[in-house]
Amino acid sequence: MNAIITVVGSDKVGIIAKVSAFLSEHKINIADITQTILSGNFVMMMMVEMDSSDISVDEMRTSMNTLATEMGVEINIMSEKVFSAMHRV
């Protein structure tokens, strides 16, 4: 299963490092990533592959919410199928 992760918040050192370290710890592969700074706000979107993951999407959401609070950002996780359906024209 693939998932889309978005991270939004004030730009600061270590956001990409902390998110990618968490993913690596749980054997979640980053298939694609884009990030930018918009008016001082950090915005990142990742497509991740969860086939080898040692945690479920729900467990990942809970852990990522804790990480987001620690970093002062917002992290959202959505299945790729749901994301695609929401953005289909």
N, C-alpha and C. Protein backbone atom coordinates (compact mmCIF):
# COMPACT_ATOMS: atom_id res chain seq x y z
N MET A 1 0.83 -1.18 0.00
CA MET A 1 0.00 0.00 0.00
C MET A 1 0.87 1.24 0.00
N ASN A 2 0.44 2.24 -0.75
CA ASN A 2 1.12 3.53 -0.75
C ASN A 2 0.29 4.53 0.03
N ALA A 3 0.97 5.50 0.61
CA ALA A 3 0.30 6.56 1.36
C ALA A 3 0.92 7.90 0.98
N ILE A 4 0.15 8.96 1.17
CA ILE A 4 0.62 10.32 0.96
C ILE A 4 0.76 10.96 2.33
N ILE A 5 1.91 11.55 2.58
CA ILE A 5 2.16 12.27 3.83
C ILE A 5 2.39 13.73 3.48
N THR A 6 1.68 14.62 4.17
CA THR A 6 1.94 16.05 4.01
C THR A 6 2.41 16.61 5.35
N VAL A 7 3.35 17.53 5.26
CA VAL A 7 3.89 18.19 6.44
C VAL A 7 3.86 19.70 6.16
N VAL A 8 3.22 20.46 7.05
CA VAL A 8 3.11 21.91 6.87
C VAL A 8 3.40 22.57 8.21
N GLY A 9 4.18 23.64 8.19
CA GLY A 9 4.45 24.39 9.41
C GLY A 9 5.53 25.42 9.19
N SER A 10 5.86 26.14 10.23
CA SER A 10 6.93 27.12 10.15
C SER A 10 8.24 26.41 9.83
N ASP A 11 9.01 27.01 8.94
CA ASP A 11 10.28 26.41 8.53
C ASP A 11 11.26 26.41 9.69
N LYS A 12 11.89 25.26 9.91
CA LYS A 12 12.94 25.14 10.93
C LYS A 12 13.84 23.97 10.57
N VAL A 13 15.00 23.95 11.14
CA VAL A 13 15.98 22.90 10.87
C VAL A 13 15.47 21.55 11.39
N GLY A 14 15.63 20.51 10.58
CA GLY A 14 15.41 19.14 11.03
C GLY A 14 14.08 18.50 10.69
N ILE A 15 13.18 19.23 10.04
CA ILE A 15 11.86 18.64 9.74
C ILE A 15 12.02 17.41 8.84
N ILE A 16 12.70 17.57 7.73
CA ILE A 16 12.87 16.44 6.80
C ILE A 16 13.62 15.31 7.49
N ALA A 17 14.65 15.64 8.24
CA ALA A 17 15.46 14.62 8.91
C ALA A 17 14.63 13.80 9.89
N LYS A 18 13.82 14.47 10.71
CA LYS A 18 13.04 13.75 11.72
C LYS A 18 11.95 12.88 11.09
N VAL A 19 11.27 13.41 10.06
CA VAL A 19 10.22 12.63 9.42
C VAL A 19 10.82 11.43 8.69
N SER A 20 11.90 11.66 7.94
CA SER A 20 12.49 10.55 7.20
C SER A 20 13.14 9.53 8.14
N ALA A 21 13.69 9.96 9.28
CA ALA A 21 14.24 9.01 10.25
C ALA A 21 13.14 8.11 10.81
N PHE A 22 11.97 8.70 11.13
CA PHE A 22 10.84 7.91 11.61
C PHE A 22 10.43 6.87 10.57
N LEU A 23 10.33 7.29 9.32
CA LEU A 23 9.94 6.37 8.26
C LEU A 23 10.95 5.23 8.12
N SER A 24 12.23 5.58 8.14
CA SER A 24 13.29 4.58 8.03
C SER A 24 13.23 3.57 9.17
N GLU A 25 12.99 4.05 10.38
CA GLU A 25 12.88 3.17 11.56
C GLU A 25 11.82 2.10 11.37
N HIS A 26 10.77 2.44 10.63
CA HIS A 26 9.64 1.53 10.46
C HIS A 26 9.58 0.90 9.07
N LYS A 27 10.72 0.94 8.37
CA LYS A 27 10.85 0.27 7.07
C LYS A 27 9.84 0.79 6.05
N ILE A 28 9.59 2.10 6.09
CA ILE A 28 8.68 2.74 5.15
C ILE A 28 9.54 3.48 4.14
N ASN A 29 9.42 3.11 2.88
CA ASN A 29 10.24 3.68 1.82
C ASN A 29 9.62 4.97 1.28
N ILE A 30 10.44 5.99 1.08
CA ILE A 30 10.00 7.23 0.44
C ILE A 30 10.14 7.03 -1.06
N ALA A 31 9.02 6.94 -1.77
CA ALA A 31 9.03 6.72 -3.21
C ALA A 31 9.18 8.03 -3.98
N ASP A 32 8.63 9.10 -3.43
CA ASP A 32 8.70 10.41 -4.08
C ASP A 32 8.55 11.48 -3.01
N ILE A 33 9.22 12.60 -3.21
CA ILE A 33 9.15 13.68 -2.22
C ILE A 33 9.32 15.02 -2.92
N THR A 34 8.57 15.99 -2.45
CA THR A 34 8.73 17.37 -2.89
C THR A 34 8.55 18.27 -1.68
N GLN A 35 9.32 19.33 -1.64
CA GLN A 35 9.18 20.27 -0.54
C GLN A 35 9.52 21.67 -1.04
N THR A 36 8.94 22.65 -0.38
CA THR A 36 9.18 24.05 -0.73
C THR A 36 8.92 24.91 0.49
N ILE A 37 9.30 26.15 0.37
CA ILE A 37 9.00 27.14 1.40
C ILE A 37 8.07 28.16 0.76
N LEU A 38 6.90 28.35 1.34
CA LEU A 38 5.92 29.32 0.85
C LEU A 38 5.70 30.37 1.94
N SER A 39 6.16 31.59 1.69
CA SER A 39 5.99 32.69 2.65
C SER A 39 6.45 32.30 4.05
N GLY A 40 7.58 31.63 4.15
CA GLY A 40 8.12 31.23 5.44
C GLY A 40 7.55 29.94 6.00
N ASN A 41 6.60 29.36 5.30
CA ASN A 41 6.01 28.09 5.73
C ASN A 41 6.63 26.93 4.97
N PHE A 42 7.03 25.91 5.70
CA PHE A 42 7.57 24.69 5.13
C PHE A 42 6.40 23.83 4.67
N VAL A 43 6.48 23.34 3.42
CA VAL A 43 5.43 22.47 2.87
C VAL A 43 6.11 21.28 2.20
N MET A 44 5.76 20.07 2.63
CA MET A 44 6.35 18.87 2.05
C MET A 44 5.26 17.85 1.77
N MET A 45 5.40 17.17 0.65
CA MET A 45 4.50 16.07 0.31
C MET A 45 5.37 14.88 -0.07
N MET A 46 5.02 13.72 0.50
CA MET A 46 5.76 12.49 0.22
C MET A 46 4.79 11.39 -0.20
N MET A 47 5.21 10.58 -1.13
CA MET A 47 4.51 9.32 -1.39
C MET A 47 5.40 8.24 -0.80
N VAL A 48 4.83 7.43 0.07
CA VAL A 48 5.60 6.38 0.73
C VAL A 48 5.01 5.00 0.43
N GLU A 49 5.89 4.02 0.42
CA GLU A 49 5.50 2.63 0.20
C GLU A 49 5.53 1.91 1.53
N MET A 50 4.40 1.34 1.92
CA MET A 50 4.28 0.71 3.23
C MET A 50 4.30 -0.82 3.18
N ASP A 51 4.65 -1.38 2.04
CA ASP A 51 4.62 -2.84 1.88
C ASP A 51 5.47 -3.58 2.91
N SER A 52 6.62 -3.02 3.29
CA SER A 52 7.53 -3.68 4.23
C SER A 52 7.42 -3.11 5.65
N SER A 53 6.50 -2.20 5.86
CA SER A 53 6.38 -1.50 7.13
C SER A 53 6.08 -2.45 8.28
N ASP A 54 6.62 -2.10 9.45
CA ASP A 54 6.34 -2.90 10.65
C ASP A 54 5.22 -2.28 11.50
N ILE A 55 4.55 -1.23 10.98
CA ILE A 55 3.42 -0.62 11.69
C ILE A 55 2.27 -0.39 10.70
N SER A 56 1.07 -0.28 11.22
CA SER A 56 -0.10 -0.02 10.38
C SER A 56 -0.21 1.49 10.12
N VAL A 57 -1.08 1.86 9.20
CA VAL A 57 -1.32 3.27 8.91
C VAL A 57 -1.85 3.98 10.16
N ASP A 58 -2.75 3.34 10.89
CA ASP A 58 -3.30 3.96 12.11
C ASP A 58 -2.21 4.18 13.16
N GLU A 59 -1.32 3.20 13.33
CA GLU A 59 -0.20 3.36 14.27
C GLU A 59 0.73 4.48 13.81
N MET A 60 0.94 4.55 12.50
CA MET A 60 1.80 5.60 11.96
C MET A 60 1.17 6.97 12.22
N ARG A 61 -0.15 7.10 12.02
CA ARG A 61 -0.83 8.37 12.28
C ARG A 61 -0.63 8.82 13.73
N THR A 62 -0.84 7.90 14.65
CA THR A 62 -0.69 8.22 16.08
C THR A 62 0.73 8.68 16.39
N SER A 63 1.71 7.94 15.91
CA SER A 63 3.12 8.30 16.16
C SER A 63 3.49 9.59 15.47
N MET A 64 3.00 9.79 14.25
CA MET A 64 3.33 11.01 13.51
C MET A 64 2.66 12.23 14.15
N ASN A 65 1.49 12.05 14.76
CA ASN A 65 0.84 13.16 15.48
C ASN A 65 1.71 13.61 16.65
N THR A 66 2.30 12.66 17.35
CA THR A 66 3.20 12.98 18.45
C THR A 66 4.42 13.72 17.94
N LEU A 67 5.00 13.22 16.84
CA LEU A 67 6.16 13.86 16.22
C LEU A 67 5.81 15.28 15.76
N ALA A 68 4.63 15.44 15.16
CA ALA A 68 4.20 16.75 14.68
C ALA A 68 4.09 17.75 15.83
N THR A 69 3.53 17.30 16.94
CA THR A 69 3.40 18.17 18.12
C THR A 69 4.77 18.59 18.62
N GLU A 70 5.70 17.65 18.68
CA GLU A 70 7.06 17.96 19.14
C GLU A 70 7.74 18.98 18.24
N MET A 71 7.48 18.90 16.92
CA MET A 71 8.13 19.79 15.96
C MET A 71 7.34 21.08 15.70
N GLY A 72 6.10 21.12 16.14
CA GLY A 72 5.27 22.30 15.90
C GLY A 72 4.81 22.43 14.46
N VAL A 73 4.54 21.27 13.83
CA VAL A 73 4.04 21.24 12.45
C VAL A 73 2.76 20.41 12.41
N GLU A 74 2.12 20.40 11.25
CA GLU A 74 0.95 19.54 11.04
C GLU A 74 1.33 18.46 10.05
N ILE A 75 1.06 17.21 10.42
CA ILE A 75 1.35 16.07 9.54
C ILE A 75 0.05 15.33 9.29
N ASN A 76 -0.25 15.11 8.00
CA ASN A 76 -1.43 14.34 7.62
C ASN A 76 -1.01 13.15 6.79
N ILE A 77 -1.71 12.04 6.97
CA ILE A 77 -1.42 10.81 6.24
C ILE A 77 -2.71 10.30 5.63
N MET A 78 -2.63 9.95 4.36
CA MET A 78 -3.81 9.50 3.63
C MET A 78 -3.40 8.38 2.67
N SER A 79 -4.24 7.40 2.54
CA SER A 79 -3.96 6.35 1.57
C SER A 79 -3.92 6.95 0.17
N GLU A 80 -3.04 6.43 -0.67
CA GLU A 80 -2.90 6.96 -2.03
C GLU A 80 -4.22 6.85 -2.79
N LYS A 81 -4.98 5.79 -2.57
CA LYS A 81 -6.26 5.61 -3.26
C LYS A 81 -7.24 6.72 -2.88
N VAL A 82 -7.31 7.05 -1.59
CA VAL A 82 -8.21 8.12 -1.14
C VAL A 82 -7.75 9.46 -1.72
N PHE A 83 -6.44 9.71 -1.68
CA PHE A 83 -5.88 10.95 -2.21
C PHE A 83 -6.22 11.10 -3.69
N SER A 84 -6.00 10.04 -4.46
CA SER A 84 -6.28 10.07 -5.90
C SER A 84 -7.76 10.31 -6.18
N ALA A 85 -8.61 9.66 -5.42
CA ALA A 85 -10.07 9.84 -5.62
C ALA A 85 -10.49 11.27 -5.31
N MET A 86 -9.89 11.86 -4.28
CA MET A 86 -10.24 13.23 -3.91
C MET A 86 -9.80 14.25 -4.94
N HIS A 87 -8.72 13.93 -5.68
CA HIS A 87 -8.15 14.88 -6.62
C HIS A 87 -8.40 14.54 -8.08
N ARG A 88 -9.32 13.62 -8.31
CA ARG A 88 -9.67 13.25 -9.67
C ARG A 88 -10.61 14.30 -10.25
N VAL A 89 -10.34 14.71 -11.47
CA VAL A 89 -11.17 15.75 -12.11
C VAL A 89 -12.21 15.11 -13.00
